[in-house]
Amino acid sequence: MSIMLKIVPLVLAAAPFAAQAQDAKLGVGLGASTMGAELELVYPYSQSMSFRGFYAGGLSQDFNETQGDVDYDIKAKLGGFGALIDYHPFASC
């Protein structure tokens, strides 16, 4: 449930940009990765170069365990964001 609360506003916020950028061919994608659900935006700058940004998150796990007299309380969350430049040197061949 919490992953939907994170992703839905991002998709709704990106929708007007995608509609306005039809000439620029801005791409919006949803997917899954090892970090959880993913929202990605891609802007092709030229035939051989594009810019990409993503947000991923939603995977979390809590561990509570006792061994002997020691209590372990571990919480892990995966996710993150990134900005990438994709270069395709053979795209114009």
C-alpha atoms as a PDB file:
ATOM      1  CA  MET A   1       0.000   0.000   0.000  1.00  0.00           C
ATOM      2  CA  SER A   2       2.747   2.478   0.894  1.00  0.00           C
ATOM      3  CA  ILE A   3       4.492   1.982  -2.461  1.00  0.00           C
ATOM      4  CA  MET A   4       1.354   3.065  -4.270  1.00  0.00           C
ATOM      5  CA  LEU A   5       1.204   6.184  -2.113  1.00  0.00           C
ATOM      6  CA  LYS A   6       4.723   7.028  -3.303  1.00  0.00           C
ATOM      7  CA  ILE A   7       4.413   6.192  -7.002  1.00  0.00           C
ATOM      8  CA  VAL A   8       0.923   7.458  -7.869  1.00  0.00           C
ATOM      9  CA  PRO A   9       1.734  11.132  -7.101  1.00  0.00           C
ATOM     10  CA  LEU A  10       4.920  10.889  -9.184  1.00  0.00           C
ATOM     11  CA  VAL A  11       3.060   9.460 -12.163  1.00  0.00           C
ATOM     12  CA  LEU A  12       0.349  12.100 -11.865  1.00  0.00           C
ATOM     13  CA  ALA A  13       2.959  14.834 -11.601  1.00  0.00           C
ATOM     14  CA  ALA A  14       4.799  13.557 -14.692  1.00  0.00           C
ATOM     15  CA  ALA A  15       1.684  13.155 -16.847  1.00  0.00           C
ATOM     16  CA  PRO A  16       1.320  16.852 -17.811  1.00  0.00           C
ATOM     17  CA  PHE A  17       4.991  16.989 -18.834  1.00  0.00           C
ATOM     18  CA  ALA A  18       4.598  13.905 -20.988  1.00  0.00           C
ATOM     19  CA  ALA A  19       1.523  15.400 -22.645  1.00  0.00           C
ATOM     20  CA  GLN A  20       3.288  18.725 -23.299  1.00  0.00           C
ATOM     21  CA  ALA A  21       6.501  17.111 -24.518  1.00  0.00           C
ATOM     22  CA  GLN A  22       5.129  15.028 -27.377  1.00  0.00           C
ATOM     23  CA  ASP A  23       7.416  16.794 -29.845  1.00  0.00           C
ATOM     24  CA  ALA A  24      10.395  16.161 -27.579  1.00  0.00           C
ATOM     25  CA  LYS A  25       9.388  12.503 -27.131  1.00  0.00           C
ATOM     26  CA  LEU A  26       9.706  12.472 -23.353  1.00  0.00           C
ATOM     27  CA  GLY A  27       9.195   8.927 -22.175  1.00  0.00           C
ATOM     28  CA  VAL A  28       7.595   7.837 -18.900  1.00  0.00           C
ATOM     29  CA  GLY A  29       7.865   4.270 -17.719  1.00  0.00           C
ATOM     30  CA  LEU A  30       6.917   2.073 -14.795  1.00  0.00           C
ATOM     31  CA  GLY A  31       8.795  -1.070 -13.945  1.00  0.00           C
ATOM     32  CA  ALA A  32      10.281  -3.290 -11.294  1.00  0.00           C
ATOM     33  CA  SER A  33      13.905  -3.633 -10.281  1.00  0.00           C
ATOM     34  CA  THR A  34      15.899  -5.109  -7.435  1.00  0.00           C
ATOM     35  CA  MET A  35      15.155  -1.904  -5.487  1.00  0.00           C
ATOM     36  CA  GLY A  36      11.375  -2.228  -5.881  1.00  0.00           C
ATOM     37  CA  ALA A  37       8.824  -0.494  -8.072  1.00  0.00           C
ATOM     38  CA  GLU A  38      10.375   2.047 -10.410  1.00  0.00           C
ATOM     39  CA  LEU A  39       9.276   5.235 -12.183  1.00  0.00           C
ATOM     40  CA  GLU A  40      11.529   6.372 -15.033  1.00  0.00           C
ATOM     41  CA  LEU A  41      11.662   9.454 -17.259  1.00  0.00           C
ATOM     42  CA  VAL A  42      13.685   9.436 -20.494  1.00  0.00           C
ATOM     43  CA  TYR A  43      14.476  12.428 -22.690  1.00  0.00           C
ATOM     44  CA  PRO A  44      16.249  11.720 -26.011  1.00  0.00           C
ATOM     45  CA  TYR A  45      18.658  14.619 -26.558  1.00  0.00           C
ATOM     46  CA  SER A  46      19.956  13.410 -29.919  1.00  0.00           C
ATOM     47  CA  GLN A  47      20.081  10.214 -31.941  1.00  0.00           C
ATOM     48  CA  SER A  48      23.094   8.999 -29.954  1.00  0.00           C
ATOM     49  CA  MET A  49      22.439  10.501 -26.490  1.00  0.00           C
ATOM     50  CA  SER A  50      19.566  10.492 -24.017  1.00  0.00           C
ATOM     51  CA  PHE A  51      19.050  11.574 -20.415  1.00  0.00           C
ATOM     52  CA  ARG A  52      17.346   9.324 -17.931  1.00  0.00           C
ATOM     53  CA  GLY A  53      16.146   9.742 -14.365  1.00  0.00           C
ATOM     54  CA  PHE A  54      14.457   7.247 -12.095  1.00  0.00           C
ATOM     55  CA  TYR A  55      12.992   6.769  -8.650  1.00  0.00           C
ATOM     56  CA  ALA A  56      12.720   3.297  -7.167  1.00  0.00           C
ATOM     57  CA  GLY A  57      11.510   2.143  -3.795  1.00  0.00           C
ATOM     58  CA  GLY A  58       9.011   0.237  -1.827  1.00  0.00           C
ATOM     59  CA  LEU A  59      10.876  -2.830  -0.622  1.00  0.00           C
ATOM     60  CA  SER A  60      11.286  -2.999   3.129  1.00  0.00           C
ATOM     61  CA  GLN A  61      11.723  -5.742   5.688  1.00  0.00           C
ATOM     62  CA  ASP A  62      11.744  -5.816   9.481  1.00  0.00           C
ATOM     63  CA  PHE A  63      13.509  -8.522  11.472  1.00  0.00           C
ATOM     64  CA  ASN A  64      13.011  -9.069  15.181  1.00  0.00           C
ATOM     65  CA  GLU A  65      14.931 -11.927  16.731  1.00  0.00           C
ATOM     66  CA  THR A  66      16.328 -12.908  20.098  1.00  0.00           C
ATOM     67  CA  GLN A  67      19.435 -15.055  20.496  1.00  0.00           C
ATOM     68  CA  GLY A  68      20.428 -15.804  24.040  1.00  0.00           C
ATOM     69  CA  ASP A  69      19.960 -12.576  25.985  1.00  0.00           C
ATOM     70  CA  VAL A  70      20.433 -10.302  22.959  1.00  0.00           C
ATOM     71  CA  ASP A  71      17.451  -8.764  21.125  1.00  0.00           C
ATOM     72  CA  TYR A  72      17.987  -7.882  17.484  1.00  0.00           C
ATOM     73  CA  ASP A  73      15.704  -5.346  15.798  1.00  0.00           C
ATOM     74  CA  ILE A  74      16.751  -4.812  12.177  1.00  0.00           C
ATOM     75  CA  LYS A  75      14.939  -2.663   9.633  1.00  0.00           C
ATOM     76  CA  ALA A  76      15.971  -2.575   5.977  1.00  0.00           C
ATOM     77  CA  LYS A  77      14.624  -0.392   3.167  1.00  0.00           C
ATOM     78  CA  LEU A  78      15.688  -0.517  -0.470  1.00  0.00           C
ATOM     79  CA  GLY A  79      15.191   2.299  -2.911  1.00  0.00           C
ATOM     80  CA  GLY A  80      16.783   5.360  -4.372  1.00  0.00           C
ATOM     81  CA  PHE A  81      16.961   7.688  -7.307  1.00  0.00           C
ATOM     82  CA  GLY A  82      19.411   8.344 -10.073  1.00  0.00           C
ATOM     83  CA  ALA A  83      20.252  10.420 -13.101  1.00  0.00           C
ATOM     84  CA  LEU A  84      21.972   8.822 -16.089  1.00  0.00           C
ATOM     85  CA  ILE A  85      23.263   9.782 -19.507  1.00  0.00           C
ATOM     86  CA  ASP A  86      22.965   7.075 -22.142  1.00  0.00           C
ATOM     87  CA  TYR A  87      25.413   7.307 -25.040  1.00  0.00           C
ATOM     88  CA  HIS A  88      24.903   5.113 -28.104  1.00  0.00           C
ATOM     89  CA  PRO A  89      28.011   5.561 -30.298  1.00  0.00           C
ATOM     90  CA  PHE A  90      26.735   3.321 -33.104  1.00  0.00           C
ATOM     91  CA  ALA A  91      23.189   4.729 -33.268  1.00  0.00           C
ATOM     92  CA  SER A  92      23.881   6.760 -36.424  1.00  0.00           C
ATOM     93  CA  CYS A  93      25.605   3.943 -38.348  1.00  0.00           C
END
